[in-house]
Amino acid sequence: MTIEQEIKNQYAKLFKEEDWRPFKIMADYYFKTAANLKKKDIEIHEYIKLMGRNIQKRLYLGIGAELLLKSLYLKNNYCINKVKRGVKNPGKPKKYFDVSIEDYDERDTYTLGSLIDNLKEIIECDSNLLKGLKIAKVFRNKEGHVATLWHSYKEENYSDIEYSIKEVYKKGFGETLKFQISFEEDEKAIFEIE
């Protein structure tokens, strides 16, 4: 057994409908932290505090998006575990009863990309809703794999993410979310679930 397999086994679980709450709680945490994170919260050299803060915000937005969608799938009785190798693979999350329980792989779950691509099976979504989720996915992937001192910044990327997350809260959980990611010193951070 490889070290990767050994560690995956430590987290192995067939996630069920009742597991949606911990995923949602952690998604809430990551979004709230991303919205409120300030430069003073980052313990790194002063000259790169802004970069460190922004990287952390983007990582948290991406992680939050994945946990939120996994929570939504679970809440709607979809299994987020992939099927085992050699079993006919639907390539997307399925309802628990659509696949034999022993055919699910407890060590592997569907990727954020697959969750986004199949979201229309659970909630009504248009290209605007999907856009913000896709941006959050790329942010998480890029910030988790590269370190750059500079990259292009588009403010609308963050408003797209805010819109998408608020829509998933509303359509998927029946919650009204006030969500604003703070970047400027005088900009108010908001994360409030009503």
Protein backbone atom coordinates (compact mmCIF):
# COMPACT_ATOMS: atom_id res chain seq x y z
CA MET A 1 0.00 0.00 0.00
CA THR A 2 1.35 3.44 -0.93
CA ILE A 3 1.42 6.32 1.53
CA GLU A 4 -1.25 8.05 -0.58
CA GLN A 5 -3.54 5.02 -0.30
CA GLU A 6 -2.87 4.79 3.44
CA ILE A 7 -3.86 8.43 4.00
CA LYS A 8 -6.93 8.14 1.72
CA ASN A 9 -8.01 5.15 3.82
CA GLN A 10 -7.91 7.35 6.94
CA TYR A 11 -10.60 9.55 5.37
CA ALA A 12 -12.53 6.72 3.70
CA LYS A 13 -16.27 7.01 4.16
CA LEU A 14 -19.39 6.39 2.17
CA PHE A 15 -21.07 9.76 2.61
CA LYS A 16 -24.81 9.66 3.16
CA GLU A 17 -27.64 12.17 3.15
CA GLU A 18 -27.25 12.97 6.85
CA ASP A 19 -23.64 14.05 6.24
CA TRP A 20 -24.73 17.21 4.42
CA ARG A 21 -24.66 19.37 7.57
CA PRO A 22 -20.92 19.14 8.37
CA PHE A 23 -20.15 19.99 4.74
CA LYS A 24 -22.47 23.01 4.92
CA ILE A 25 -21.07 24.17 8.27
CA MET A 26 -17.54 24.11 6.88
CA ALA A 27 -18.61 25.85 3.65
CA ASP A 28 -20.14 28.61 5.79
CA TYR A 29 -16.88 28.89 7.70
CA TYR A 30 -14.72 29.17 4.58
CA PHE A 31 -16.98 31.78 2.97
CA LYS A 32 -17.20 33.85 6.15
CA THR A 33 -13.42 33.72 6.58
CA ALA A 34 -12.83 34.63 2.92
CA ALA A 35 -15.17 37.60 3.22
CA ASN A 36 -13.58 38.92 6.42
CA LEU A 37 -9.88 38.11 6.05
CA LYS A 38 -7.63 41.17 6.45
CA LYS A 39 -3.94 41.76 5.80
CA LYS A 40 -3.33 41.98 9.56
CA ASP A 41 -4.55 38.36 9.84
CA ILE A 42 -1.76 37.10 7.60
CA GLU A 43 1.53 36.15 9.24
CA ILE A 44 4.03 36.70 6.46
CA HIS A 45 6.55 39.37 5.48
CA GLU A 46 4.94 42.80 5.39
CA TYR A 47 5.78 43.39 1.72
CA ILE A 48 3.73 40.37 0.62
CA LYS A 49 0.84 40.51 3.13
CA LEU A 50 -1.59 41.65 0.44
CA MET A 51 -0.60 38.77 -1.82
CA GLY A 52 -0.87 36.30 1.07
CA ARG A 53 -4.30 37.57 2.04
CA ASN A 54 -5.64 37.43 -1.51
CA ILE A 55 -4.28 33.92 -2.05
CA GLN A 56 -5.95 32.78 1.16
CA LYS A 57 -9.27 34.39 0.15
CA ARG A 58 -9.25 32.66 -3.24
CA LEU A 59 -8.34 29.29 -1.73
CA TYR A 60 -11.13 29.58 0.82
CA LEU A 61 -13.67 30.58 -1.83
CA GLY A 62 -12.79 27.49 -3.87
CA ILE A 63 -12.80 25.14 -0.90
CA GLY A 64 -16.09 26.63 0.29
CA ALA A 65 -17.64 26.16 -3.16
CA GLU A 66 -16.71 22.48 -3.24
CA LEU A 67 -18.01 21.80 0.27
CA LEU A 68 -21.22 23.73 -0.42
CA LEU A 69 -21.97 21.72 -3.56
CA LYS A 70 -21.13 18.42 -1.87
CA SER A 71 -23.51 19.40 0.93
CA LEU A 72 -26.21 20.22 -1.62
CA TYR A 73 -25.81 16.89 -3.44
CA LEU A 74 -25.92 14.97 -0.16
CA LYS A 75 -28.97 16.91 1.06
CA ASN A 76 -30.75 15.83 -2.13
CA ASN A 77 -29.85 12.16 -1.60
CA TYR A 78 -27.04 12.00 -4.17
CA CYS A 79 -23.90 10.06 -3.38
CA ILE A 80 -20.75 12.17 -3.75
CA ASN A 81 -18.54 9.07 -3.71
CA LYS A 82 -17.32 7.83 -7.07
CA VAL A 83 -17.99 4.26 -8.11
CA LYS A 84 -15.19 1.70 -7.91
CA ARG A 85 -12.95 1.02 -10.88
CA GLY A 86 -14.36 -1.66 -13.14
CA VAL A 87 -17.96 -0.75 -12.32
CA LYS A 88 -20.01 0.98 -15.00
CA ASN A 89 -19.26 4.61 -14.19
CA PRO A 90 -21.93 7.25 -14.75
CA GLY A 91 -19.19 9.92 -14.45
CA LYS A 92 -21.38 12.01 -12.18
CA PRO A 93 -23.04 11.78 -8.78
CA LYS A 94 -26.06 9.49 -8.75
CA LYS A 95 -28.92 8.91 -6.33
CA TYR A 96 -27.94 6.26 -3.77
CA PHE A 97 -30.41 3.69 -5.08
CA ASP A 98 -29.18 4.06 -8.70
CA VAL A 99 -25.93 2.25 -7.91
CA SER A 100 -25.37 -0.76 -5.67
CA ILE A 101 -24.01 0.45 -2.31
CA GLU A 102 -21.01 -1.89 -2.48
CA ASP A 103 -20.01 -0.37 -5.83
CA TYR A 104 -19.21 3.03 -4.31
CA ASP A 105 -15.58 3.86 -3.56
CA GLU A 106 -15.29 5.10 0.02
CA ARG A 107 -11.87 6.61 -0.73
CA ASP A 108 -12.83 8.91 -3.60
CA THR A 109 -15.41 11.63 -4.19
CA TYR A 110 -16.44 13.53 -7.28
CA THR A 111 -14.46 16.61 -8.22
CA LEU A 112 -15.73 20.16 -8.03
CA GLY A 113 -15.80 20.29 -11.84
CA SER A 114 -18.15 17.31 -12.02
CA LEU A 115 -20.36 18.78 -9.29
CA ILE A 116 -20.64 22.06 -11.19
CA ASP A 117 -21.26 20.37 -14.54
CA ASN A 118 -24.19 18.36 -13.14
CA LEU A 119 -25.68 20.97 -10.79
CA LYS A 120 -28.69 21.50 -13.07
CA GLU A 121 -29.95 18.06 -11.96
CA ILE A 122 -30.50 19.46 -8.46
CA ILE A 123 -31.30 23.15 -8.77
CA GLU A 124 -32.33 25.48 -11.55
CA CYS A 125 -29.18 27.20 -12.72
CA ASP A 126 -28.13 29.36 -15.60
CA SER A 127 -24.75 30.31 -17.01
CA ASN A 128 -24.40 33.20 -14.52
CA LEU A 129 -24.76 30.88 -11.53
CA LEU A 130 -22.29 28.41 -13.00
CA LYS A 131 -19.81 31.16 -13.92
CA GLY A 132 -19.02 32.16 -10.33
CA LEU A 133 -18.62 28.54 -9.26
CA LYS A 134 -16.21 27.90 -12.13
CA ILE A 135 -14.18 30.98 -11.18
CA ALA A 136 -13.98 29.75 -7.56
CA LYS A 137 -12.80 26.35 -8.84
CA VAL A 138 -10.01 27.89 -10.91
CA PHE A 139 -8.98 30.18 -8.03
CA ARG A 140 -8.64 27.17 -5.73
CA ASN A 141 -6.72 25.16 -8.29
CA LYS A 142 -4.33 27.94 -9.29
CA GLU A 143 -3.61 29.20 -5.78
CA GLY A 144 -3.09 25.64 -4.58
CA HIS A 145 -0.55 24.85 -7.30
CA VAL A 146 1.39 28.02 -8.17
CA ALA A 147 2.81 31.06 -6.37
CA THR A 148 2.97 34.30 -8.33
CA LEU A 149 3.70 37.78 -7.05
CA TRP A 150 1.27 39.28 -9.54
CA HIS A 151 -1.64 38.34 -11.77
CA SER A 152 -4.48 40.16 -13.48
CA TYR A 153 -7.29 41.23 -11.17
CA LYS A 154 -10.91 41.52 -12.25
CA GLU A 155 -13.26 42.78 -9.57
CA GLU A 156 -16.22 41.21 -11.34
CA ASN A 157 -14.75 37.74 -10.68
CA TYR A 158 -15.57 38.24 -7.02
CA SER A 159 -19.04 39.65 -7.63
CA ASP A 160 -19.68 36.63 -9.91
CA ILE A 161 -18.66 34.31 -7.07
CA GLU A 162 -20.79 36.22 -4.55
CA TYR A 163 -23.81 35.97 -6.88
CA SER A 164 -23.35 32.23 -7.45
CA ILE A 165 -22.91 31.39 -3.79
CA LYS A 166 -25.97 33.45 -2.79
CA GLU A 167 -28.03 31.66 -5.46
CA VAL A 168 -26.96 28.20 -4.26
CA TYR A 169 -27.86 29.14 -0.68
CA LYS A 170 -31.28 30.37 -1.85
CA LYS A 171 -32.17 27.65 -4.36
CA GLY A 172 -30.50 24.73 -2.64
CA PHE A 173 -30.97 25.48 1.05
CA GLY A 174 -33.81 28.02 1.18
CA GLU A 175 -31.50 30.52 2.88
CA THR A 176 -30.99 34.19 2.13
CA LEU A 177 -27.29 34.97 2.23
CA LYS A 178 -25.82 38.45 2.39
CA PHE A 179 -22.28 37.99 1.08
CA GLN A 180 -19.65 40.54 0.20
CA ILE A 181 -15.95 39.79 -0.01
CA SER A 182 -13.92 42.68 1.40
CA PHE A 183 -10.80 43.73 -0.52
CA GLU A 184 -10.42 47.46 0.05
CA GLU A 185 -9.66 48.82 3.53
CA ASP A 186 -12.92 50.76 3.65
CA GLU A 187 -15.00 47.95 2.14
CA LYS A 188 -17.37 46.16 4.51
CA ALA A 189 -17.18 42.38 4.62
CA ILE A 190 -20.54 40.66 4.90
CA PHE A 191 -21.49 37.05 5.56
CA GLU A 192 -24.94 36.76 7.10
CA ILE A 193 -27.43 33.94 6.68
CA GLU A 194 -31.06 34.93 7.22
